[in-house]
Amino acid sequence: NTVYLQMNSLKPEDTAVYFCRVKATV
């Protein structure tokens, strides 16, 4: 139940807070 984000060739405009989102049924 894990998602990854591989980020290459990073640019200054990529600077941010990154949030994971899961759409799930409970």
PDB file of all heavy atoms in Angstrom:
ATOM      1  N   ASN A   1       0.830  -1.211   0.000  1.00  0.00           N
ATOM      2  CA  ASN A   1       0.000   0.000   0.000  1.00  0.00           C
ATOM      3  C   ASN A   1       0.863   1.259   0.000  1.00  0.00           C
ATOM      4  O   ASN A   1       0.612   2.216   0.737  1.00  0.00           O
ATOM      5  CB  ASN A   1      -0.949   0.016   1.200  1.00  0.00           C
ATOM      6  CG  ASN A   1      -2.180  -0.836   0.982  1.00  0.00           C
ATOM      7  OD1 ASN A   1      -2.550  -1.149  -0.144  1.00  0.00           O
ATOM      8  ND2 ASN A   1      -2.837  -1.210   2.073  1.00  0.00           N
ATOM      9  N   THR A   2       1.864   1.252  -0.843  1.00  0.00           N
ATOM     10  CA  THR A   2       2.828   2.338  -0.891  1.00  0.00           C
ATOM     11  C   THR A   2       2.927   2.900  -2.303  1.00  0.00           C
ATOM     12  O   THR A   2       2.959   2.137  -3.275  1.00  0.00           O
ATOM     13  CB  THR A   2       4.208   1.867  -0.421  1.00  0.00           C
ATOM     14  OG1 THR A   2       4.117   1.404   0.931  1.00  0.00           O
ATOM     15  CG2 THR A   2       5.228   2.995  -0.487  1.00  0.00           C
ATOM     16  N   VAL A   3       2.985   4.214  -2.395  1.00  0.00           N
ATOM     17  CA  VAL A   3       3.176   4.889  -3.669  1.00  0.00           C
ATOM     18  C   VAL A   3       4.487   5.667  -3.607  1.00  0.00           C
ATOM     19  O   VAL A   3       4.851   6.204  -2.558  1.00  0.00           O
ATOM     20  CB  VAL A   3       1.985   5.807  -4.017  1.00  0.00           C
ATOM     21  CG1 VAL A   3       1.831   6.930  -2.996  1.00  0.00           C
ATOM     22  CG2 VAL A   3       2.114   6.361  -5.423  1.00  0.00           C
ATOM     23  N   TYR A   4       5.198   5.711  -4.733  1.00  0.00           N
ATOM     24  CA  TYR A   4       6.489   6.366  -4.817  1.00  0.00           C
ATOM     25  C   TYR A   4       6.462   7.449  -5.888  1.00  0.00           C
ATOM     26  O   TYR A   4       5.687   7.383  -6.845  1.00  0.00           O
ATOM     27  CB  TYR A   4       7.589   5.368  -5.166  1.00  0.00           C
ATOM     28  CG  TYR A   4       7.677   4.186  -4.238  1.00  0.00           C
ATOM     29  CD1 TYR A   4       6.994   3.011  -4.524  1.00  0.00           C
ATOM     30  CD2 TYR A   4       8.441   4.246  -3.074  1.00  0.00           C
ATOM     31  CE1 TYR A   4       7.075   1.920  -3.677  1.00  0.00           C
ATOM     32  CE2 TYR A   4       8.521   3.164  -2.221  1.00  0.00           C
ATOM     33  CZ  TYR A   4       7.837   2.002  -2.525  1.00  0.00           C
ATOM     34  OH  TYR A   4       7.914   0.922  -1.682  1.00  0.00           O
ATOM     35  N   LEU A   5       7.326   8.410  -5.725  1.00  0.00           N
ATOM     36  CA  LEU A   5       7.538   9.413  -6.754  1.00  0.00           C
ATOM     37  C   LEU A   5       9.039   9.590  -6.936  1.00  0.00           C
ATOM     38  O   LEU A   5       9.703  10.149  -6.059  1.00  0.00           O
ATOM     39  CB  LEU A   5       6.887  10.745  -6.391  1.00  0.00           C
ATOM     40  CG  LEU A   5       6.952  11.822  -7.477  1.00  0.00           C
ATOM     41  CD1 LEU A   5       6.097  11.427  -8.676  1.00  0.00           C
ATOM     42  CD2 LEU A   5       6.503  13.175  -6.929  1.00  0.00           C
ATOM     43  N   GLN A   6       9.556   9.091  -8.046  1.00  0.00           N
ATOM     44  CA  GLN A   6      10.955   9.282  -8.394  1.00  0.00           C
ATOM     45  C   GLN A   6      11.080  10.588  -9.160  1.00  0.00           C
ATOM     46  O   GLN A   6      10.462  10.760 -10.212  1.00  0.00           O
ATOM     47  CB  GLN A   6      11.466   8.120  -9.245  1.00  0.00           C
ATOM     48  CG  GLN A   6      12.915   8.258  -9.691  1.00  0.00           C
ATOM     49  CD  GLN A   6      13.893   8.201  -8.544  1.00  0.00           C
ATOM     50  OE1 GLN A   6      13.780   7.328  -7.683  1.00  0.00           O
ATOM     51  NE2 GLN A   6      14.830   9.138  -8.503  1.00  0.00           N
ATOM     52  N   MET A   7      11.880  11.508  -8.640  1.00  0.00           N
ATOM     53  CA  MET A   7      12.028  12.831  -9.223  1.00  0.00           C
ATOM     54  C   MET A   7      13.466  13.012  -9.690  1.00  0.00           C
ATOM     55  O   MET A   7      14.392  13.016  -8.875  1.00  0.00           O
ATOM     56  CB  MET A   7      11.654  13.916  -8.215  1.00  0.00           C
ATOM     57  CG  MET A   7      10.245  13.763  -7.649  1.00  0.00           C
ATOM     58  SD  MET A   7       9.778  15.128  -6.550  1.00  0.00           S
ATOM     59  CE  MET A   7      10.899  14.820  -5.187  1.00  0.00           C
ATOM     60  N   ASN A   8      13.639  13.151 -10.991  1.00  0.00           N
ATOM     61  CA  ASN A   8      14.948  13.357 -11.589  1.00  0.00           C
ATOM     62  C   ASN A   8      15.018  14.732 -12.249  1.00  0.00           C
ATOM     63  O   ASN A   8      13.997  15.353 -12.529  1.00  0.00           O
ATOM     64  CB  ASN A   8      15.243  12.276 -12.628  1.00  0.00           C
ATOM     65  CG  ASN A   8      15.275  10.888 -12.050  1.00  0.00           C
ATOM     66  OD1 ASN A   8      15.683  10.678 -10.911  1.00  0.00           O
ATOM     67  ND2 ASN A   8      14.851   9.902 -12.845  1.00  0.00           N
ATOM     68  N   SER A   9      16.227  15.176 -12.515  1.00  0.00           N
ATOM     69  CA  SER A   9      16.451  16.465 -13.187  1.00  0.00           C
ATOM     70  C   SER A   9      15.663  17.581 -12.520  1.00  0.00           C
ATOM     71  O   SER A   9      14.983  18.372 -13.174  1.00  0.00           O
ATOM     72  CB  SER A   9      16.082  16.357 -14.673  1.00  0.00           C
ATOM     73  OG  SER A   9      16.840  15.358 -15.317  1.00  0.00           O
ATOM     74  N   LEU A  10      15.762  17.652 -11.218  1.00  0.00           N
ATOM     75  CA  LEU A  10      14.971  18.608 -10.456  1.00  0.00           C
ATOM     76  C   LEU A  10      15.353  20.051 -10.781  1.00  0.00           C
ATOM     77  O   LEU A  10      16.522  20.361 -11.024  1.00  0.00           O
ATOM     78  CB  LEU A  10      15.117  18.342  -8.965  1.00  0.00           C
ATOM     79  CG  LEU A  10      14.301  17.145  -8.459  1.00  0.00           C
ATOM     80  CD1 LEU A  10      14.843  16.640  -7.135  1.00  0.00           C
ATOM     81  CD2 LEU A  10      12.830  17.529  -8.333  1.00  0.00           C
ATOM     82  N   LYS A  11      14.335  20.900 -10.774  1.00  0.00           N
ATOM     83  CA  LYS A  11      14.484  22.311 -11.077  1.00  0.00           C
ATOM     84  C   LYS A  11      14.046  23.147  -9.879  1.00  0.00           C
ATOM     85  O   LYS A  11      13.246  22.685  -9.063  1.00  0.00           O
ATOM     86  CB  LYS A  11      13.622  22.687 -12.290  1.00  0.00           C
ATOM     87  CG  LYS A  11      13.903  21.881 -13.539  1.00  0.00           C
ATOM     88  CD  LYS A  11      12.909  22.234 -14.640  1.00  0.00           C
ATOM     89  CE  LYS A  11      13.159  21.434 -15.898  1.00  0.00           C
ATOM     90  NZ  LYS A  11      12.184  21.769 -16.960  1.00  0.00           N
ATOM     91  N   PRO A  12      14.523  24.377  -9.766  1.00  0.00           N
ATOM     92  CA  PRO A  12      14.087  25.231  -8.655  1.00  0.00           C
ATOM     93  C   PRO A  12      12.568  25.378  -8.575  1.00  0.00           C
ATOM     94  O   PRO A  12      12.030  25.470  -7.469  1.00  0.00           O
ATOM     95  CB  PRO A  12      14.766  26.567  -8.955  1.00  0.00           C
ATOM     96  CG  PRO A  12      16.009  26.190  -9.681  1.00  0.00           C
ATOM     97  CD  PRO A  12      15.610  25.014 -10.542  1.00  0.00           C
ATOM     98  N   GLU A  13      11.894  25.390  -9.716  1.00  0.00           N
ATOM     99  CA  GLU A  13      10.445  25.518  -9.709  1.00  0.00           C
ATOM    100  C   GLU A  13       9.724  24.284  -9.177  1.00  0.00           C
ATOM    101  O   GLU A  13       8.503  24.311  -8.990  1.00  0.00           O
ATOM    102  CB  GLU A  13       9.912  25.873 -11.105  1.00  0.00           C
ATOM    103  CG  GLU A  13      10.407  24.951 -12.201  1.00  0.00           C
ATOM    104  CD  GLU A  13      11.586  25.525 -12.969  1.00  0.00           C
ATOM    105  OE1 GLU A  13      12.517  26.049 -12.324  1.00  0.00           O
ATOM    106  OE2 GLU A  13      11.578  25.458 -14.213  1.00  0.00           O
ATOM    107  N   ASP A  14      10.452  23.200  -8.930  1.00  0.00           N
ATOM    108  CA  ASP A  14       9.870  22.027  -8.286  1.00  0.00           C
ATOM    109  C   ASP A  14       9.787  22.192  -6.767  1.00  0.00           C
ATOM    110  O   ASP A  14       9.201  21.339  -6.091  1.00  0.00           O
ATOM    111  CB  ASP A  14      10.681  20.771  -8.602  1.00  0.00           C
ATOM    112  CG  ASP A  14      10.642  20.405 -10.075  1.00  0.00           C
ATOM    113  OD1 ASP A  14       9.560  20.497 -10.688  1.00  0.00           O
ATOM    114  OD2 ASP A  14      11.699  20.018 -10.614  1.00  0.00           O
ATOM    115  N   THR A  15      10.381  23.243  -6.241  1.00  0.00           N
ATOM    116  CA  THR A  15      10.368  23.483  -4.801  1.00  0.00           C
ATOM    117  C   THR A  15       8.934  23.654  -4.303  1.00  0.00           C
ATOM    118  O   THR A  15       8.193  24.503  -4.799  1.00  0.00           O
ATOM    119  CB  THR A  15      11.194  24.724  -4.447  1.00  0.00           C
ATOM    120  OG1 THR A  15      12.566  24.496  -4.785  1.00  0.00           O
ATOM    121  CG2 THR A  15      11.105  25.035  -2.959  1.00  0.00           C
ATOM    122  N   ALA A  16       8.546  22.836  -3.336  1.00  0.00           N
ATOM    123  CA  ALA A  16       7.184  22.853  -2.808  1.00  0.00           C
ATOM    124  C   ALA A  16       7.082  21.840  -1.683  1.00  0.00           C
ATOM    125  O   ALA A  16       7.997  21.042  -1.450  1.00  0.00           O
ATOM    126  CB  ALA A  16       6.176  22.511  -3.907  1.00  0.00           C
ATOM    127  N   VAL A  17       5.953  21.877  -0.994  1.00  0.00           N
ATOM    128  CA  VAL A  17       5.595  20.791  -0.089  1.00  0.00           C
ATOM    129  C   VAL A  17       4.822  19.771  -0.908  1.00  0.00           C
ATOM    130  O   VAL A  17       3.845  20.119  -1.572  1.00  0.00           O
ATOM    131  CB  VAL A  17       4.753  21.277   1.099  1.00  0.00           C
ATOM    132  CG1 VAL A  17       4.340  20.102   1.982  1.00  0.00           C
ATOM    133  CG2 VAL A  17       5.538  22.302   1.916  1.00  0.00           C
ATOM    134  N   TYR A  18       5.255  18.534  -0.855  1.00  0.00           N
ATOM    135  CA  TYR A  18       4.634  17.465  -1.620  1.00  0.00           C
ATOM    136  C   TYR A  18       3.743  16.630  -0.713  1.00  0.00           C
ATOM    137  O   TYR A  18       4.155  16.195   0.362  1.00  0.00           O
ATOM    138  CB  TYR A  18       5.702  16.581  -2.269  1.00  0.00           C
ATOM    139  CG  TYR A  18       6.336  17.225  -3.473  1.00  0.00           C
ATOM    140  CD1 TYR A  18       7.170  18.324  -3.331  1.00  0.00           C
ATOM    141  CD2 TYR A  18       6.089  16.750  -4.758  1.00  0.00           C
ATOM    142  CE1 TYR A  18       7.735  18.937  -4.433  1.00  0.00           C
ATOM    143  CE2 TYR A  18       6.657  17.354  -5.864  1.00  0.00           C
ATOM    144  CZ  TYR A  18       7.478  18.443  -5.701  1.00  0.00           C
ATOM    145  OH  TYR A  18       8.040  19.045  -6.805  1.00  0.00           O
ATOM    146  N   PHE A  19       2.520  16.410  -1.168  1.00  0.00           N
ATOM    147  CA  PHE A  19       1.518  15.682  -0.398  1.00  0.00           C
ATOM    148  C   PHE A  19       1.100  14.414  -1.125  1.00  0.00           C
ATOM    149  O   PHE A  19       0.808  14.441  -2.319  1.00  0.00           O
ATOM    150  CB  PHE A  19       0.270  16.536  -0.174  1.00  0.00           C
ATOM    151  CG  PHE A  19       0.498  17.769   0.640  1.00  0.00           C
ATOM    152  CD1 PHE A  19       0.838  18.965   0.037  1.00  0.00           C
ATOM    153  CD2 PHE A  19       0.364  17.741   2.020  1.00  0.00           C
ATOM    154  CE1 PHE A  19       1.043  20.108   0.778  1.00  0.00           C
ATOM    155  CE2 PHE A  19       0.560  18.875   2.781  1.00  0.00           C
ATOM    156  CZ  PHE A  19       0.904  20.060   2.158  1.00  0.00           C
ATOM    157  N   CYS A  20       1.046  13.340  -0.390  1.00  0.00           N
ATOM    158  CA  CYS A  20       0.493  12.093  -0.894  1.00  0.00           C
ATOM    159  C   CYS A  20      -1.026  12.108  -0.721  1.00  0.00           C
ATOM    160  O   CYS A  20      -1.535  12.591   0.297  1.00  0.00           O
ATOM    161  CB  CYS A  20       1.105  10.918  -0.131  1.00  0.00           C
ATOM    162  SG  CYS A  20       0.401   9.305  -0.503  1.00  0.00           S
ATOM    163  N   ARG A  21      -1.733  11.595  -1.697  1.00  0.00           N
ATOM    164  CA  ARG A  21      -3.185  11.467  -1.600  1.00  0.00           C
ATOM    165  C   ARG A  21      -3.609  10.047  -1.932  1.00  0.00           C
ATOM    166  O   ARG A  21      -3.143   9.457  -2.912  1.00  0.00           O
ATOM    167  CB  ARG A  21      -3.896  12.435  -2.548  1.00  0.00           C
ATOM    168  CG  ARG A  21      -5.416  12.450  -2.348  1.00  0.00           C
ATOM    169  CD  ARG A  21      -6.124  13.232  -3.424  1.00  0.00           C
ATOM    170  NE  ARG A  21      -6.238  12.475  -4.658  1.00  0.00           N
ATOM    171  CZ  ARG A  21      -7.393  12.281  -5.315  1.00  0.00           C
ATOM    172  NH1 ARG A  21      -8.522  12.801  -4.858  1.00  0.00           N
ATOM    173  NH2 ARG A  21      -7.390  11.586  -6.443  1.00  0.00           N
ATOM    174  N   VAL A  22      -4.517   9.520  -1.116  1.00  0.00           N
ATOM    175  CA  VAL A  22      -5.095   8.205  -1.356  1.00  0.00           C
ATOM    176  C   VAL A  22      -6.601   8.339  -1.359  1.00  0.00           C
ATOM    177  O   VAL A  22      -7.186   8.921  -0.441  1.00  0.00           O
ATOM    178  CB  VAL A  22      -4.652   7.182  -0.294  1.00  0.00           C
ATOM    179  CG1 VAL A  22      -5.430   5.878  -0.453  1.00  0.00           C
ATOM    180  CG2 VAL A  22      -3.160   6.923  -0.391  1.00  0.00           C
ATOM    181  N   LYS A  23      -7.229   7.816  -2.381  1.00  0.00           N
ATOM    182  CA  LYS A  23      -8.678   7.751  -2.454  1.00  0.00           C
ATOM    183  C   LYS A  23      -9.072   6.334  -2.081  1.00  0.00           C
ATOM    184  O   LYS A  23      -8.748   5.391  -2.807  1.00  0.00           O
ATOM    185  CB  LYS A  23      -9.161   8.112  -3.859  1.00  0.00           C
ATOM    186  CG  LYS A  23     -10.660   8.261  -3.986  1.00  0.00           C
ATOM    187  CD  LYS A  23     -11.015   8.715  -5.401  1.00  0.00           C
ATOM    188  CE  LYS A  23     -12.501   8.962  -5.554  1.00  0.00           C
ATOM    189  NZ  LYS A  23     -12.844   9.397  -6.928  1.00  0.00           N
ATOM    190  N   ALA A  24      -9.763   6.183  -0.939  1.00  0.00           N
ATOM    191  CA  ALA A  24     -10.030   4.858  -0.402  1.00  0.00           C
ATOM    192  C   ALA A  24     -11.452   4.741   0.110  1.00  0.00           C
ATOM    193  O   ALA A  24     -12.074   5.730   0.513  1.00  0.00           O
ATOM    194  CB  ALA A  24      -9.050   4.526   0.720  1.00  0.00           C
ATOM    195  N   THR A  25     -11.957   3.506   0.126  1.00  0.00           N
ATOM    196  CA  THR A  25     -13.252   3.193   0.705  1.00  0.00           C
ATOM    197  C   THR A  25     -13.050   2.656   2.115  1.00  0.00           C
ATOM    198  O   THR A  25     -12.261   1.729   2.329  1.00  0.00           O
ATOM    199  CB  THR A  25     -14.005   2.167  -0.145  1.00  0.00           C
ATOM    200  OG1 THR A  25     -14.231   2.703  -1.449  1.00  0.00           O
ATOM    201  CG2 THR A  25     -15.348   1.825   0.487  1.00  0.00           C
ATOM    202  N   VAL A  26     -13.763   3.248   3.088  1.00  0.00           N
ATOM    203  CA  VAL A  26     -13.728   2.796   4.472  1.00  0.00           C
ATOM    204  C   VAL A  26     -15.155   2.562   4.950  1.00  0.00           C
ATOM    205  O   VAL A  26     -16.118   2.987   4.306  1.00  0.00           O
ATOM    206  CB  VAL A  26     -13.022   3.814   5.389  1.00  0.00           C
ATOM    207  CG1 VAL A  26     -11.589   4.037   4.939  1.00  0.00           C
ATOM    208  CG2 VAL A  26     -13.785   5.144   5.394  1.00  0.00           C
TER     209      VAL A  26
END
